[in-house]
Amino acid sequence: MRIAVIGAGAVGGLMAALAARAGHDVLVTARGEHAAAIASAGLHVDGGWGEWVAAVELATSIPNRPLDLTVLATKAHDSASALDAWRAHDGTPVLVLQNGLGGEQAVRDALPHSPVAIGLALFAVSLTGPGRITVTGPNGLTLGGDPAAVAVAEPLLRATLPAELVIADDIHGAQFTKLLVNQVNALPAITGLSVQQTVADPALRAVLARGMVETVAVGDAVGVAWGRIGAVDAEAVARVRAGGTAAAAELAELLAAGMGDVPNPASMLQSIRRGRTTEVDAINGAVVALGAQHGVPTPVNAALVALVHELERSSVFLSPSDTAARATAP
């Protein structure tokens, strides 16, 4: 297959490296020192799925040759600008691999003739240096969306992904469950702590639990059919709905335990460390926006959005106690 990966960071780079290892023709886009390292020495992958160097082609221009699949793996807020240059490939199936909401609609706006599949990654992966990717949590992926795009992406993922691939009947329900799971993302960006350290701290765990309760309330108001993402399914959501913050805190501890002993920095903290804009608006911000539309208060998610944007500007991490006080201030 001929595959283009738009945004070969941690997740996109791993997908590109897996496809290249399987013998596919892979073209990638990247920026700065990371792009230079890929061009000179390929993508070096290590961690939970072994160690190898993948030879991929760095795109210096949009290819004229046909593609079998385009993978959109930028941050959600970069989707529209990244896709604009690829309009000549309108009609090529697209696999969106992003956290949060917004990427699918960006593809439909820019490439209206391209069928769209959505991949929800459960594996944890970090960009540990220019051209270097480490798999810290070797978990699976959930896939769904337009049948024409799934028909292209599914065999590729089954042949290359060394983990469980789940096909979701309702990918949007699964996507909202991933939004609930991604509540673990913002607090590490604010504090500089790993997900495991965040959940272990009682004050931060309480903030996280309140954000999760808000997310469930918003999803219910939207009418989401909650899908399964890893260990989190409709029954787990029902426990949070019934048990409130105590049940949400238990779910957070379960998620952290499932990540193992290797510290998981979460994607937003990785962005903060690299001086990049985070995806907080597509995750916590999406909860806030949908809550406003449906009359559901989301004060904790709104506070987390504001605090992450503050860190984007200052890069000065807050202590757990300061974070908890500011995230729950009336």
Protein backbone atom coordinates (compact mmCIF):
# COMPACT_ATOMS: atom_id res chain seq x y z
CA MET A 1 0.00 0.00 0.00
CA ARG A 2 0.94 3.62 -0.53
CA ILE A 3 0.26 5.48 2.71
CA ALA A 4 0.69 9.14 3.67
CA VAL A 5 0.87 10.00 7.38
CA ILE A 6 0.10 13.67 8.00
CA GLY A 7 1.72 14.46 11.34
CA ALA A 8 4.30 11.79 12.15
CA GLY A 9 4.67 12.68 15.81
CA ALA A 10 4.29 10.06 18.52
CA VAL A 11 1.11 8.28 17.35
CA GLY A 12 1.46 9.09 13.65
CA GLY A 13 5.13 8.22 13.66
CA LEU A 14 4.44 4.87 15.30
CA MET A 15 1.77 4.05 12.71
CA ALA A 16 4.17 5.02 9.93
CA ALA A 17 6.94 2.89 11.41
CA LEU A 18 4.65 -0.13 11.83
CA ALA A 19 3.45 0.15 8.23
CA ALA A 20 6.98 0.57 6.90
CA ARG A 21 8.20 -2.44 8.89
CA ALA A 22 5.49 -4.47 7.15
CA GLY A 23 6.81 -3.43 3.73
CA HIS A 24 4.40 -0.65 2.82
CA ASP A 25 5.41 2.53 1.00
CA VAL A 26 5.08 5.26 3.63
CA LEU A 27 5.30 9.03 3.19
CA VAL A 28 5.24 11.27 6.26
CA THR A 29 5.07 14.92 7.23
CA ALA A 30 6.89 16.26 10.27
CA ARG A 31 8.48 19.48 11.53
CA GLY A 32 11.79 20.84 12.74
CA GLU A 33 14.48 18.62 14.21
CA HIS A 34 12.13 15.65 14.15
CA ALA A 35 11.70 15.99 10.39
CA ALA A 36 15.46 16.34 9.88
CA ALA A 37 16.13 13.20 11.92
CA ILE A 38 13.55 11.22 9.93
CA ALA A 39 15.06 12.37 6.66
CA SER A 40 18.59 11.40 7.69
CA ALA A 41 18.10 8.26 9.77
CA GLY A 42 14.45 7.14 9.64
CA LEU A 43 12.16 6.52 12.60
CA HIS A 44 13.72 4.70 15.57
CA VAL A 45 11.11 2.84 17.64
CA ASP A 46 11.68 1.07 20.94
CA GLY A 47 9.72 0.04 24.01
CA GLY A 48 6.80 -2.34 24.37
CA TRP A 49 6.67 -3.51 20.76
CA GLY A 50 10.36 -4.12 20.21
CA GLU A 51 13.07 -2.02 18.63
CA TRP A 52 13.57 -1.24 14.97
CA VAL A 53 14.39 1.57 12.55
CA ALA A 54 11.79 2.29 9.88
CA ALA A 55 12.77 3.82 6.57
CA VAL A 56 10.02 6.26 5.58
CA GLU A 57 9.97 9.06 3.03
CA LEU A 58 9.74 12.60 4.37
CA ALA A 59 7.35 14.64 2.24
CA THR A 60 8.88 17.83 0.88
CA SER A 61 5.86 18.37 -1.39
CA ILE A 62 2.45 16.84 -1.94
CA PRO A 63 2.88 13.67 -4.04
CA ASN A 64 1.33 13.42 -7.49
CA ARG A 65 1.11 9.62 -7.31
CA PRO A 66 -2.13 8.04 -6.06
CA LEU A 67 -2.43 7.00 -2.42
CA ASP A 68 -4.30 4.06 -0.92
CA LEU A 69 -4.74 5.65 2.51
CA THR A 70 -4.11 8.99 4.19
CA VAL A 71 -3.60 8.99 7.97
CA LEU A 72 -4.37 12.25 9.78
CA ALA A 73 -2.40 12.23 13.04
CA THR A 74 -1.85 15.91 13.75
CA LYS A 75 -3.33 17.48 16.87
CA ALA A 76 -7.03 18.10 16.28
CA HIS A 77 -6.62 21.89 16.19
CA ASP A 78 -4.07 21.58 13.36
CA SER A 79 -6.32 19.43 11.16
CA ALA A 80 -7.76 22.08 8.86
CA SER A 81 -4.45 23.75 8.04
CA ALA A 82 -2.68 20.41 7.59
CA LEU A 83 -5.33 19.04 5.23
CA ASP A 84 -5.53 22.11 3.02
CA ALA A 85 -2.44 21.09 1.02
CA TRP A 86 -3.83 17.59 0.37
CA ARG A 87 -6.97 18.59 -1.54
CA ALA A 88 -5.57 16.93 -4.69
CA HIS A 89 -6.10 13.62 -2.86
CA ASP A 90 -9.78 14.21 -2.18
CA GLY A 91 -11.37 10.79 -2.57
CA THR A 92 -8.55 8.85 -0.90
CA PRO A 93 -9.77 7.12 2.28
CA VAL A 94 -8.64 8.88 5.46
CA LEU A 95 -7.92 7.36 8.87
CA VAL A 96 -8.12 9.95 11.66
CA LEU A 97 -5.85 9.09 14.62
CA GLN A 98 -6.33 11.88 17.14
CA ASN A 99 -7.44 12.63 20.66
CA GLY A 100 -10.60 14.64 21.15
CA LEU A 101 -13.21 15.81 18.70
CA GLY A 102 -13.02 17.80 15.48
CA GLY A 103 -10.70 15.88 13.19
CA GLU A 104 -13.42 13.96 11.38
CA GLN A 105 -15.33 17.13 10.51
CA ALA A 106 -12.12 18.80 9.34
CA VAL A 107 -11.58 15.93 6.87
CA ARG A 108 -15.16 16.14 5.63
CA ASP A 109 -14.78 19.89 5.09
CA ALA A 110 -11.43 19.69 3.29
CA LEU A 111 -11.85 16.37 1.47
CA PRO A 112 -15.59 15.92 0.95
CA HIS A 113 -15.21 12.88 -1.32
CA SER A 114 -12.92 10.96 1.05
CA PRO A 115 -14.50 8.28 3.26
CA VAL A 116 -13.39 8.71 6.86
CA ALA A 117 -12.41 6.09 9.44
CA ILE A 118 -11.66 6.99 13.06
CA GLY A 119 -9.01 5.19 15.07
CA LEU A 120 -8.98 5.51 18.86
CA ALA A 121 -5.55 4.56 20.14
CA LEU A 122 -5.27 2.99 23.58
CA PHE A 123 -1.53 2.49 23.38
CA ALA A 124 0.73 5.00 25.12
CA VAL A 125 3.61 6.32 23.05
CA SER A 126 6.08 9.16 23.53
CA LEU A 127 8.26 11.18 21.20
CA THR A 128 11.50 10.82 23.17
CA GLY A 129 13.74 12.75 20.81
CA PRO A 130 14.06 13.77 17.17
CA GLY A 131 13.19 10.69 15.13
CA ARG A 132 12.77 8.55 18.26
CA ILE A 133 9.51 7.01 19.50
CA THR A 134 9.01 4.87 22.61
CA VAL A 135 5.98 2.65 23.21
CA THR A 136 5.29 2.82 26.95
CA GLY A 137 1.86 1.17 26.93
CA PRO A 138 1.49 -1.56 24.27
CA ASN A 139 -2.31 -1.59 24.11
CA GLY A 140 -4.78 -1.82 21.24
CA LEU A 141 -6.90 0.40 19.02
CA THR A 142 -10.61 0.80 18.27
CA LEU A 143 -11.67 1.47 14.68
CA GLY A 144 -14.91 2.54 13.02
CA GLY A 145 -16.47 5.02 10.63
CA ASP A 146 -17.29 4.98 6.93
CA PRO A 147 -17.26 1.36 5.68
CA ALA A 148 -15.20 2.25 2.60
CA ALA A 149 -12.44 3.71 4.77
CA VAL A 150 -12.63 0.95 7.38
CA ALA A 151 -12.28 -1.62 4.56
CA VAL A 152 -8.88 -0.12 3.72
CA ALA A 153 -7.63 0.63 7.24
CA GLU A 154 -8.72 -2.60 8.96
CA PRO A 155 -6.51 -5.08 7.04
CA LEU A 156 -3.56 -2.72 7.34
CA LEU A 157 -3.98 -2.43 11.11
CA ARG A 158 -4.58 -6.15 11.59
CA ALA A 159 -1.37 -6.92 9.73
CA THR A 160 0.82 -4.30 11.42
CA LEU A 161 -0.55 -3.55 14.91
CA PRO A 162 0.87 -5.98 17.50
CA ALA A 163 -2.17 -5.57 19.76
CA GLU A 164 -5.94 -5.99 19.81
CA LEU A 165 -7.95 -4.24 17.09
CA VAL A 166 -11.62 -3.70 17.97
CA ILE A 167 -14.18 -2.73 15.32
CA ALA A 168 -16.86 -0.46 16.79
CA ASP A 169 -20.40 -0.45 15.45
CA ASP A 170 -20.82 3.09 16.82
CA ILE A 171 -17.45 4.79 16.67
CA HIS A 172 -18.87 8.07 17.94
CA GLY A 173 -20.04 6.39 21.14
CA ALA A 174 -16.57 4.90 21.54
CA GLN A 175 -15.08 8.30 20.74
CA PHE A 176 -16.97 9.85 23.65
CA THR A 177 -15.78 7.08 25.96
CA LYS A 178 -12.23 7.95 24.85
CA LEU A 179 -13.05 11.57 25.73
CA LEU A 180 -13.87 10.32 29.24
CA VAL A 181 -10.60 8.36 29.41
CA ASN A 182 -8.72 11.43 28.18
CA GLN A 183 -9.73 13.33 31.29
CA VAL A 184 -6.40 11.99 32.59
CA ASN A 185 -4.60 14.18 30.03
CA ALA A 186 -4.88 17.78 31.24
CA LEU A 187 -3.62 17.52 34.82
CA PRO A 188 -0.17 16.17 33.86
CA ALA A 189 0.21 19.15 31.50
CA ILE A 190 -0.53 21.52 34.38
CA THR A 191 1.63 19.81 37.03
CA GLY A 192 4.41 18.17 35.02
CA LEU A 193 3.57 14.81 36.64
CA SER A 194 2.93 11.51 34.89
CA VAL A 195 -0.59 10.13 34.69
CA GLN A 196 0.27 7.57 37.36
CA GLN A 197 1.60 10.27 39.72
CA THR A 198 -1.45 12.43 39.04
CA VAL A 199 -3.90 9.68 39.92
CA ALA A 200 -1.89 8.73 43.02
CA ASP A 201 -2.21 12.27 44.43
CA PRO A 202 -5.48 12.54 46.41
CA ALA A 203 -6.12 16.19 45.58
CA LEU A 204 -5.49 15.74 41.86
CA ARG A 205 -7.48 12.50 41.80
CA ALA A 206 -10.45 14.40 43.25
CA VAL A 207 -10.20 17.02 40.49
CA LEU A 208 -9.93 14.31 37.86
CA ALA A 209 -12.98 12.54 39.27
CA ARG A 210 -15.08 15.71 39.11
CA GLY A 211 -14.05 16.28 35.50
CA MET A 212 -15.02 12.71 34.66
CA VAL A 213 -18.45 13.12 36.29
CA GLU A 214 -19.00 16.26 34.19
CA THR A 215 -18.03 14.37 31.04
CA VAL A 216 -20.51 11.57 31.74
CA ALA A 217 -23.27 14.12 32.37
CA VAL A 218 -22.50 15.89 29.09
CA GLY A 219 -22.39 12.63 27.13
CA ASP A 220 -25.73 11.59 28.59
CA ALA A 221 -27.24 14.96 27.67
CA VAL A 222 -25.93 14.59 24.12
CA GLY A 223 -27.48 11.12 23.94
CA VAL A 224 -24.25 9.19 23.47
CA ALA A 225 -24.40 5.41 23.19
CA TRP A 226 -21.29 4.80 25.29
CA GLY A 227 -18.96 2.33 23.58
CA ARG A 228 -16.11 0.22 24.93
CA ILE A 229 -12.59 1.58 25.01
CA GLY A 230 -10.24 -0.90 26.62
CA ALA A 231 -11.50 -1.57 30.15
CA VAL A 232 -14.03 1.28 30.00
CA ASP A 233 -17.47 0.36 28.71
CA ALA A 234 -21.10 1.40 29.23
CA GLU A 235 -21.18 -0.45 32.59
CA ALA A 236 -18.15 1.51 33.82
CA VAL A 237 -19.84 4.72 32.72
CA ALA A 238 -23.01 3.65 34.52
CA ARG A 239 -21.01 3.18 37.73
CA VAL A 240 -19.71 6.75 37.44
CA ARG A 241 -23.24 8.00 36.72
CA ALA A 242 -24.57 6.26 39.83
CA GLY A 243 -21.59 6.63 42.15
CA GLY A 244 -20.38 10.11 41.29
CA THR A 245 -16.86 11.19 42.17
CA ALA A 246 -16.11 8.12 44.31
CA ALA A 247 -16.79 5.81 41.38
CA ALA A 248 -14.93 8.11 39.00
CA ALA A 249 -11.88 8.07 41.28
CA GLU A 250 -11.95 4.26 41.22
CA LEU A 251 -12.09 4.34 37.42
CA ALA A 252 -9.12 6.73 37.34
CA GLU A 253 -7.12 4.34 39.53
CA LEU A 254 -8.03 1.46 37.21
CA LEU A 255 -6.82 3.43 34.19
CA ALA A 256 -3.54 4.33 35.87
CA ALA A 257 -2.95 0.72 36.95
CA GLY A 258 -3.49 -0.40 33.37
CA MET A 259 -0.65 1.85 32.23
CA GLY A 260 1.91 -0.19 34.15
CA ASP A 261 5.05 1.10 35.84
CA VAL A 262 6.54 3.15 32.99
CA PRO A 263 5.60 6.80 33.62
CA ASN A 264 3.01 7.96 31.09
CA PRO A 265 3.44 11.70 30.42
CA ALA A 266 0.18 11.96 28.39
CA SER A 267 0.09 13.84 25.12
CA MET A 268 -0.62 17.32 26.51
CA LEU A 269 2.41 17.24 28.79
CA GLN A 270 4.55 16.16 25.84
CA SER A 271 3.28 19.19 23.93
CA ILE A 272 4.03 21.53 26.85
CA ARG A 273 7.57 20.18 27.10
CA ARG A 274 8.11 20.82 23.38
CA GLY A 275 6.65 24.32 23.55
CA ARG A 276 3.67 23.34 21.39
CA THR A 277 -0.04 24.08 21.61
CA THR A 278 -1.91 21.25 23.29
CA GLU A 279 -5.14 19.53 22.25
CA VAL A 280 -7.01 20.66 25.38
CA ASP A 281 -9.67 22.50 23.36
CA ALA A 282 -10.54 19.28 21.50
CA ILE A 283 -10.79 17.28 24.74
CA ASN A 284 -11.81 19.28 27.84
CA GLY A 285 -12.87 22.18 25.65
CA ALA A 286 -15.20 19.89 23.71
CA VAL A 287 -16.84 18.86 26.98
CA VAL A 288 -17.29 22.52 27.92
CA ALA A 289 -18.75 23.45 24.52
CA LEU A 290 -21.19 20.54 24.45
CA GLY A 291 -22.14 21.19 28.06
CA ALA A 292 -23.02 24.78 27.19
CA GLN A 293 -25.14 23.61 24.28
CA HIS A 294 -27.08 21.15 26.44
CA GLY A 295 -27.30 23.09 29.70
CA VAL A 296 -24.83 20.96 31.68
CA PRO A 297 -22.42 22.85 33.97
CA THR A 298 -18.75 21.96 33.42
CA PRO A 299 -16.76 24.21 35.77
CA VAL A 300 -13.86 21.80 36.33
CA ASN A 301 -13.34 21.16 32.62
CA ALA A 302 -13.50 24.91 31.97
CA ALA A 303 -10.89 25.52 34.68
CA LEU A 304 -8.62 22.82 33.24
CA VAL A 305 -8.82 24.40 29.79
CA ALA A 306 -7.80 27.76 31.25
CA LEU A 307 -4.95 26.29 33.29
CA VAL A 308 -3.52 24.31 30.36
CA HIS A 309 -3.57 27.44 28.19
CA GLU A 310 -1.75 29.24 31.00
CA LEU A 311 0.95 26.54 30.94
CA GLU A 312 1.23 26.85 27.17
CA ARG A 313 2.19 30.49 27.71
CA SER A 314 4.38 30.15 30.82
CA SER A 315 5.68 26.53 30.92
CA VAL A 316 5.75 26.97 34.73
CA PHE A 317 4.15 23.91 36.31
CA LEU A 318 1.79 24.26 39.27
CA SER A 319 1.95 22.22 42.45
CA PRO A 320 -0.78 19.64 43.01
CA SER A 321 -2.30 21.72 45.81
CA ASP A 322 -2.35 24.92 43.72
CA THR A 323 -3.79 23.03 40.77
CA ALA A 324 -6.56 21.49 42.88
CA ALA A 325 -7.42 24.84 44.47
CA ARG A 326 -7.61 26.67 41.15
CA ALA A 327 -9.42 23.88 39.29
CA THR A 328 -12.20 23.72 41.89
CA ALA A 329 -12.46 27.40 42.86
CA PRO A 330 -16.06 28.66 42.88
